All heavy atoms as atom14 arrays in JSON, in Angstrom:
{
  "sequence": "REAIQEAAAFMRQPGHEERVRSAIGAYIDLPP",
  "atom14_mask": [
    [1, 1, 1, 1, 1, 1, 1, 1, 1, 1, 1, 0, 0, 0],
    [1, 1, 1, 1, 1, 1, 1, 1, 1, 0, 0, 0, 0, 0],
    [1, 1, 1, 1, 1, 0, 0, 0, 0, 0, 0, 0, 0, 0],
    [1, 1, 1, 1, 1, 1, 1, 1, 0, 0, 0, 0, 0, 0],
    [1, 1, 1, 1, 1, 1, 1, 1, 1, 0, 0, 0, 0, 0],
    [1, 1, 1, 1, 1, 1, 1, 1, 1, 0, 0, 0, 0, 0],
    [1, 1, 1, 1, 1, 0, 0, 0, 0, 0, 0, 0, 0, 0],
    [1, 1, 1, 1, 1, 0, 0, 0, 0, 0, 0, 0, 0, 0],
    [1, 1, 1, 1, 1, 0, 0, 0, 0, 0, 0, 0, 0, 0],
    [1, 1, 1, 1, 1, 1, 1, 1, 1, 1, 1, 0, 0, 0],
    [1, 1, 1, 1, 1, 1, 1, 1, 0, 0, 0, 0, 0, 0],
    [1, 1, 1, 1, 1, 1, 1, 1, 1, 1, 1, 0, 0, 0],
    [1, 1, 1, 1, 1, 1, 1, 1, 1, 0, 0, 0, 0, 0],
    [1, 1, 1, 1, 1, 1, 1, 0, 0, 0, 0, 0, 0, 0],
    [1, 1, 1, 1, 0, 0, 0, 0, 0, 0, 0, 0, 0, 0],
    [1, 1, 1, 1, 1, 1, 1, 1, 1, 1, 0, 0, 0, 0],
    [1, 1, 1, 1, 1, 1, 1, 1, 1, 0, 0, 0, 0, 0],
    [1, 1, 1, 1, 1, 1, 1, 1, 1, 0, 0, 0, 0, 0],
    [1, 1, 1, 1, 1, 1, 1, 1, 1, 1, 1, 0, 0, 0],
    [1, 1, 1, 1, 1, 1, 1, 0, 0, 0, 0, 0, 0, 0],
    [1, 1, 1, 1, 1, 1, 1, 1, 1, 1, 1, 0, 0, 0],
    [1, 1, 1, 1, 1, 1, 0, 0, 0, 0, 0, 0, 0, 0],
    [1, 1, 1, 1, 1, 0, 0, 0, 0, 0, 0, 0, 0, 0],
    [1, 1, 1, 1, 1, 1, 1, 1, 0, 0, 0, 0, 0, 0],
    [1, 1, 1, 1, 0, 0, 0, 0, 0, 0, 0, 0, 0, 0],
    [1, 1, 1, 1, 1, 0, 0, 0, 0, 0, 0, 0, 0, 0],
    [1, 1, 1, 1, 1, 1, 1, 1, 1, 1, 1, 1, 0, 0],
    [1, 1, 1, 1, 1, 1, 1, 1, 0, 0, 0, 0, 0, 0],
    [1, 1, 1, 1, 1, 1, 1, 1, 0, 0, 0, 0, 0, 0],
    [1, 1, 1, 1, 1, 1, 1, 1, 0, 0, 0, 0, 0, 0],
    [1, 1, 1, 1, 1, 1, 1, 0, 0, 0, 0, 0, 0, 0],
    [1, 1, 1, 1, 1, 1, 1, 0, 0, 0, 0, 0, 0, 0]
  ],
  "atom14_positions": [
    [[-76.12, 55.59, -19.98], [-76.0, 55.94, -21.4], [-74.86, 56.92, -21.63], [-74.06, 56.75, -22.56], [-77.32, 56.53, -21.91], [-77.31, 56.89, -23.39], [-78.59, 57.61, -23.8], [-79.77, 56.86, -23.45], [-80.68, 57.25, -22.57], [-80.53, 58.41, -21.92], [-81.73, 56.5, -22.31], [0.0, 0.0, 0.0], [0.0, 0.0, 0.0], [0.0, 0.0, 0.0]],
    [[-74.77, 57.92, -20.77], [-73.71, 58.92, -20.93], [-72.33, 58.31, -20.71], [-71.36, 58.7, -21.38], [-73.96, 60.07, -19.95], [-75.17, 60.92, -20.33], [-75.48, 61.98, -19.28], [-74.88, 61.92, -18.18], [-76.32, 62.86, -19.57], [0.0, 0.0, 0.0], [0.0, 0.0, 0.0], [0.0, 0.0, 0.0], [0.0, 0.0, 0.0], [0.0, 0.0, 0.0]],
    [[-72.21, 57.37, -19.78], [-70.92, 56.7, -19.56], [-70.5, 55.9, -20.79], [-69.32, 55.9, -21.18], [-71.02, 55.8, -18.34], [0.0, 0.0, 0.0], [0.0, 0.0, 0.0], [0.0, 0.0, 0.0], [0.0, 0.0, 0.0], [0.0, 0.0, 0.0], [0.0, 0.0, 0.0], [0.0, 0.0, 0.0], [0.0, 0.0, 0.0], [0.0, 0.0, 0.0]],
    [[-71.47, 55.24, -21.43], [-71.17, 54.46, -22.64], [-70.77, 55.4, -23.78], [-69.87, 55.1, -24.56], [-72.38, 53.59, -23.03], [-72.67, 52.55, -21.95], [-72.14, 52.91, -24.38], [-71.52, 51.6, -21.65], [0.0, 0.0, 0.0], [0.0, 0.0, 0.0], [0.0, 0.0, 0.0], [0.0, 0.0, 0.0], [0.0, 0.0, 0.0], [0.0, 0.0, 0.0]],
    [[-71.44, 56.53, -23.88], [-71.08, 57.51, -24.91], [-69.65, 58.02, -24.71], [-68.89, 58.16, -25.67], [-72.07, 58.67, -24.89], [-73.46, 58.3, -25.39], [-74.51, 59.37, -25.13], [-74.3, 60.25, -24.3], [-75.63, 59.29, -25.83], [0.0, 0.0, 0.0], [0.0, 0.0, 0.0], [0.0, 0.0, 0.0], [0.0, 0.0, 0.0], [0.0, 0.0, 0.0]],
    [[-69.28, 58.29, -23.46], [-67.92, 58.74, -23.19], [-66.9, 57.63, -23.46], [-65.81, 57.89, -23.98], [-67.78, 59.22, -21.75], [-66.43, 59.85, -21.46], [-66.33, 60.48, -20.08], [-67.36, 60.58, -19.38], [-65.2, 60.86, -19.7], [0.0, 0.0, 0.0], [0.0, 0.0, 0.0], [0.0, 0.0, 0.0], [0.0, 0.0, 0.0], [0.0, 0.0, 0.0]],
    [[-67.27, 56.39, -23.14], [-66.38, 55.26, -23.41], [-66.16, 55.09, -24.91], [-65.05, 54.79, -25.37], [-66.96, 53.98, -22.82], [0.0, 0.0, 0.0], [0.0, 0.0, 0.0], [0.0, 0.0, 0.0], [0.0, 0.0, 0.0], [0.0, 0.0, 0.0], [0.0, 0.0, 0.0], [0.0, 0.0, 0.0], [0.0, 0.0, 0.0], [0.0, 0.0, 0.0]],
    [[-67.23, 55.26, -25.7], [-67.12, 55.15, -27.15], [-66.18, 56.22, -27.7], [-65.35, 55.95, -28.58], [-68.5, 55.27, -27.8], [0.0, 0.0, 0.0], [0.0, 0.0, 0.0], [0.0, 0.0, 0.0], [0.0, 0.0, 0.0], [0.0, 0.0, 0.0], [0.0, 0.0, 0.0], [0.0, 0.0, 0.0], [0.0, 0.0, 0.0], [0.0, 0.0, 0.0]],
    [[-66.28, 57.44, -27.19], [-65.38, 58.52, -27.61], [-63.94, 58.19, -27.23], [-63.01, 58.45, -28.0], [-65.82, 59.83, -26.97], [0.0, 0.0, 0.0], [0.0, 0.0, 0.0], [0.0, 0.0, 0.0], [0.0, 0.0, 0.0], [0.0, 0.0, 0.0], [0.0, 0.0, 0.0], [0.0, 0.0, 0.0], [0.0, 0.0, 0.0], [0.0, 0.0, 0.0]],
    [[-63.75, 57.61, -26.07], [-62.42, 57.19, -25.62], [-61.83, 56.15, -26.57], [-60.66, 56.22, -26.96], [-62.52, 56.61, -24.2], [-61.23, 56.11, -23.63], [-60.42, 56.92, -22.85], [-60.8, 54.79, -23.87], [-59.23, 56.45, -22.32], [-59.61, 54.32, -23.36], [-58.82, 55.15, -22.57], [0.0, 0.0, 0.0], [0.0, 0.0, 0.0], [0.0, 0.0, 0.0]],
    [[-62.66, 55.19, -26.99], [-62.19, 54.12, -27.87], [-61.78, 54.66, -29.24], [-60.91, 54.09, -29.89], [-63.29, 53.07, -28.04], [-63.57, 52.26, -26.78], [-65.01, 51.16, -26.97], [-64.44, 50.05, -28.28], [0.0, 0.0, 0.0], [0.0, 0.0, 0.0], [0.0, 0.0, 0.0], [0.0, 0.0, 0.0], [0.0, 0.0, 0.0], [0.0, 0.0, 0.0]],
    [[-62.41, 55.73, -29.68], [-62.12, 56.28, -31.0], [-60.84, 57.12, -31.03], [-60.33, 57.42, -32.11], [-63.3, 57.13, -31.48], [-64.59, 56.35, -31.7], [-65.63, 57.23, -32.37], [-66.95, 56.63, -32.39], [-67.94, 56.97, -31.57], [-67.76, 57.94, -30.68], [-69.11, 56.37, -31.64], [0.0, 0.0, 0.0], [0.0, 0.0, 0.0], [0.0, 0.0, 0.0]],
    [[-60.35, 57.51, -29.88], [-59.17, 58.36, -29.84], [-57.9, 57.57, -30.15], [-57.71, 56.47, -29.61], [-59.04, 59.03, -28.47], [-60.12, 60.04, -28.16], [-60.01, 60.61, -26.77], [-58.93, 60.64, -26.2], [-61.13, 61.04, -26.21], [0.0, 0.0, 0.0], [0.0, 0.0, 0.0], [0.0, 0.0, 0.0], [0.0, 0.0, 0.0], [0.0, 0.0, 0.0]],
    [[-57.04, 58.07, -31.02], [-55.79, 57.38, -31.34], [-54.94, 57.17, -30.08], [-54.91, 58.01, -29.18], [-55.09, 58.33, -32.32], [-56.19, 59.19, -32.87], [-57.18, 59.34, -31.77], [0.0, 0.0, 0.0], [0.0, 0.0, 0.0], [0.0, 0.0, 0.0], [0.0, 0.0, 0.0], [0.0, 0.0, 0.0], [0.0, 0.0, 0.0], [0.0, 0.0, 0.0]],
    [[-54.28, 56.04, -30.03], [-53.38, 55.76, -28.93], [-54.01, 55.06, -27.74], [-53.32, 54.78, -26.75], [0.0, 0.0, 0.0], [0.0, 0.0, 0.0], [0.0, 0.0, 0.0], [0.0, 0.0, 0.0], [0.0, 0.0, 0.0], [0.0, 0.0, 0.0], [0.0, 0.0, 0.0], [0.0, 0.0, 0.0], [0.0, 0.0, 0.0], [0.0, 0.0, 0.0]],
    [[-55.32, 54.78, -27.81], [-55.98, 54.13, -26.68], [-56.16, 52.62, -26.88], [-56.82, 51.98, -26.07], [-57.35, 54.77, -26.44], [-57.26, 56.11, -25.78], [-58.37, 56.91, -25.54], [-56.19, 56.8, -25.28], [-57.98, 58.03, -24.95], [-56.68, 57.98, -24.78], [0.0, 0.0, 0.0], [0.0, 0.0, 0.0], [0.0, 0.0, 0.0], [0.0, 0.0, 0.0]],
    [[-55.58, 52.07, -27.94], [-55.81, 50.66, -28.26], [-55.41, 49.73, -27.11], [-56.14, 48.78, -26.77], [-55.05, 50.26, -29.54], [-55.56, 50.91, -30.8], [-54.98, 52.3, -31.03], [-54.18, 52.76, -30.18], [-55.33, 52.94, -32.04], [0.0, 0.0, 0.0], [0.0, 0.0, 0.0], [0.0, 0.0, 0.0], [0.0, 0.0, 0.0], [0.0, 0.0, 0.0]],
    [[-54.25, 49.99, -26.51], [-53.78, 49.1, -25.45], [-54.65, 49.22, -24.21], [-54.89, 48.22, -23.51], [-52.32, 49.41, -25.11], [-51.33, 48.95, -26.17], [-51.54, 47.5, -26.56], [-51.62, 46.64, -25.65], [-51.63, 47.21, -27.78], [0.0, 0.0, 0.0], [0.0, 0.0, 0.0], [0.0, 0.0, 0.0], [0.0, 0.0, 0.0], [0.0, 0.0, 0.0]],
    [[-55.15, 50.41, -23.91], [-56.03, 50.55, -22.75], [-57.38, 49.88, -22.99], [-58.0, 49.34, -22.06], [-56.2, 52.04, -22.41], [-54.95, 52.61, -21.75], [-54.94, 54.11, -21.67], [-55.87, 54.65, -20.68], [-55.98, 55.95, -20.43], [-55.23, 56.83, -21.08], [-56.84, 56.38, -19.51], [0.0, 0.0, 0.0], [0.0, 0.0, 0.0], [0.0, 0.0, 0.0]],
    [[-57.84, 49.89, -24.24], [-59.07, 49.18, -24.58], [-58.85, 47.68, -24.41], [-59.69, 46.98, -23.82], [-59.53, 49.5, -26.01], [-60.69, 48.6, -26.43], [-59.93, 50.97, -26.13], [0.0, 0.0, 0.0], [0.0, 0.0, 0.0], [0.0, 0.0, 0.0], [0.0, 0.0, 0.0], [0.0, 0.0, 0.0], [0.0, 0.0, 0.0], [0.0, 0.0, 0.0]],
    [[-57.72, 47.17, -24.89], [-57.42, 45.74, -24.73], [-57.3, 45.37, -23.24], [-57.71, 44.3, -22.82], [-56.14, 45.36, -25.47], [-56.31, 45.26, -26.97], [-55.14, 44.52, -27.61], [-55.33, 44.41, -29.04], [-54.87, 45.3, -29.91], [-54.19, 46.36, -29.49], [-55.08, 45.14, -31.21], [0.0, 0.0, 0.0], [0.0, 0.0, 0.0], [0.0, 0.0, 0.0]],
    [[-56.7, 46.25, -22.47], [-56.58, 46.01, -21.03], [-57.95, 45.9, -20.38], [-58.16, 45.05, -19.49], [-55.77, 47.14, -20.39], [-55.67, 46.97, -19.0], [0.0, 0.0, 0.0], [0.0, 0.0, 0.0], [0.0, 0.0, 0.0], [0.0, 0.0, 0.0], [0.0, 0.0, 0.0], [0.0, 0.0, 0.0], [0.0, 0.0, 0.0], [0.0, 0.0, 0.0]],
    [[-58.87, 46.74, -20.82], [-60.23, 46.68, -20.28], [-60.9, 45.36, -20.66], [-61.59, 44.74, -19.84], [-61.04, 47.86, -20.8], [0.0, 0.0, 0.0], [0.0, 0.0, 0.0], [0.0, 0.0, 0.0], [0.0, 0.0, 0.0], [0.0, 0.0, 0.0], [0.0, 0.0, 0.0], [0.0, 0.0, 0.0], [0.0, 0.0, 0.0], [0.0, 0.0, 0.0]],
    [[-60.7, 44.92, -21.89], [-61.27, 43.63, -22.32], [-60.68, 42.5, -21.47], [-61.39, 41.61, -20.97], [-60.99, 43.38, -23.81], [-61.76, 44.39, -24.66], [-61.37, 41.95, -24.21], [-61.36, 44.39, -26.13], [0.0, 0.0, 0.0], [0.0, 0.0, 0.0], [0.0, 0.0, 0.0], [0.0, 0.0, 0.0], [0.0, 0.0, 0.0], [0.0, 0.0, 0.0]],
    [[-59.36, 42.54, -21.26], [-58.7, 41.51, -20.48], [-59.11, 41.49, -19.02], [-58.96, 40.47, -18.33], [0.0, 0.0, 0.0], [0.0, 0.0, 0.0], [0.0, 0.0, 0.0], [0.0, 0.0, 0.0], [0.0, 0.0, 0.0], [0.0, 0.0, 0.0], [0.0, 0.0, 0.0], [0.0, 0.0, 0.0], [0.0, 0.0, 0.0], [0.0, 0.0, 0.0]],
    [[-59.63, 42.61, -18.51], [-60.09, 42.66, -17.12], [-61.35, 41.84, -16.9], [-61.64, 41.44, -15.77], [-60.32, 44.11, -16.7], [0.0, 0.0, 0.0], [0.0, 0.0, 0.0], [0.0, 0.0, 0.0], [0.0, 0.0, 0.0], [0.0, 0.0, 0.0], [0.0, 0.0, 0.0], [0.0, 0.0, 0.0], [0.0, 0.0, 0.0], [0.0, 0.0, 0.0]],
    [[-62.1, 41.58, -17.98], [-63.38, 40.89, -17.84], [-63.48, 39.6, -18.64], [-64.45, 38.86, -18.49], [-64.52, 41.83, -18.23], [-64.62, 42.98, -17.27], [-64.07, 44.23, -17.58], [-65.2, 42.81, -16.02], [-64.12, 45.27, -16.68], [-65.25, 43.85, -15.12], [-64.71, 45.08, -15.45], [-64.75, 46.11, -14.54], [0.0, 0.0, 0.0], [0.0, 0.0, 0.0]],
    [[-62.49, 39.34, -19.48], [-62.45, 38.08, -20.22], [-61.07, 37.48, -20.03], [-60.06, 38.08, -20.41], [-62.74, 38.28, -21.72], [-64.1, 38.98, -21.91], [-62.74, 36.94, -22.45], [-64.44, 39.28, -23.36], [0.0, 0.0, 0.0], [0.0, 0.0, 0.0], [0.0, 0.0, 0.0], [0.0, 0.0, 0.0], [0.0, 0.0, 0.0], [0.0, 0.0, 0.0]],
    [[-60.98, 36.31, -19.43], [-59.71, 35.69, -19.09], [-59.1, 35.06, -20.34], [-59.65, 34.11, -20.9], [-59.93, 34.62, -18.02], [-58.62, 34.15, -17.41], [-57.6, 34.81, -17.64], [-58.64, 33.13, -16.7], [0.0, 0.0, 0.0], [0.0, 0.0, 0.0], [0.0, 0.0, 0.0], [0.0, 0.0, 0.0], [0.0, 0.0, 0.0], [0.0, 0.0, 0.0]],
    [[-57.95, 35.59, -20.77], [-57.32, 35.15, -22.01], [-55.81, 35.1, -21.87], [-55.24, 35.88, -21.09], [-57.64, 36.13, -23.14], [-58.99, 36.04, -23.81], [-59.15, 37.21, -24.75], [-59.13, 34.74, -24.57], [0.0, 0.0, 0.0], [0.0, 0.0, 0.0], [0.0, 0.0, 0.0], [0.0, 0.0, 0.0], [0.0, 0.0, 0.0], [0.0, 0.0, 0.0]],
    [[-55.12, 34.24, -22.64], [-53.67, 34.31, -22.71], [-53.24, 35.65, -23.3], [-53.94, 36.21, -24.15], [-53.3, 33.15, -23.65], [-54.5, 32.26, -23.68], [-55.68, 33.15, -23.46], [0.0, 0.0, 0.0], [0.0, 0.0, 0.0], [0.0, 0.0, 0.0], [0.0, 0.0, 0.0], [0.0, 0.0, 0.0], [0.0, 0.0, 0.0], [0.0, 0.0, 0.0]],
    [[-52.11, 36.2, -22.86], [-51.68, 37.52, -23.35], [-51.56, 37.6, -24.86], [-51.9, 38.62, -25.46], [-50.31, 37.69, -22.68], [-50.37, 36.84, -21.46], [-51.21, 35.66, -21.82], [0.0, 0.0, 0.0], [0.0, 0.0, 0.0], [0.0, 0.0, 0.0], [0.0, 0.0, 0.0], [0.0, 0.0, 0.0], [0.0, 0.0, 0.0], [0.0, 0.0, 0.0]]
  ]
}
């Protein structure tokens, strides 16, 4: 639960959009 809470805070921080997309791409195979 605490890890998910920290991840949510990370997602809300400006400038993290590309790292969030990178995380999604690590687990869902998609064209760039």
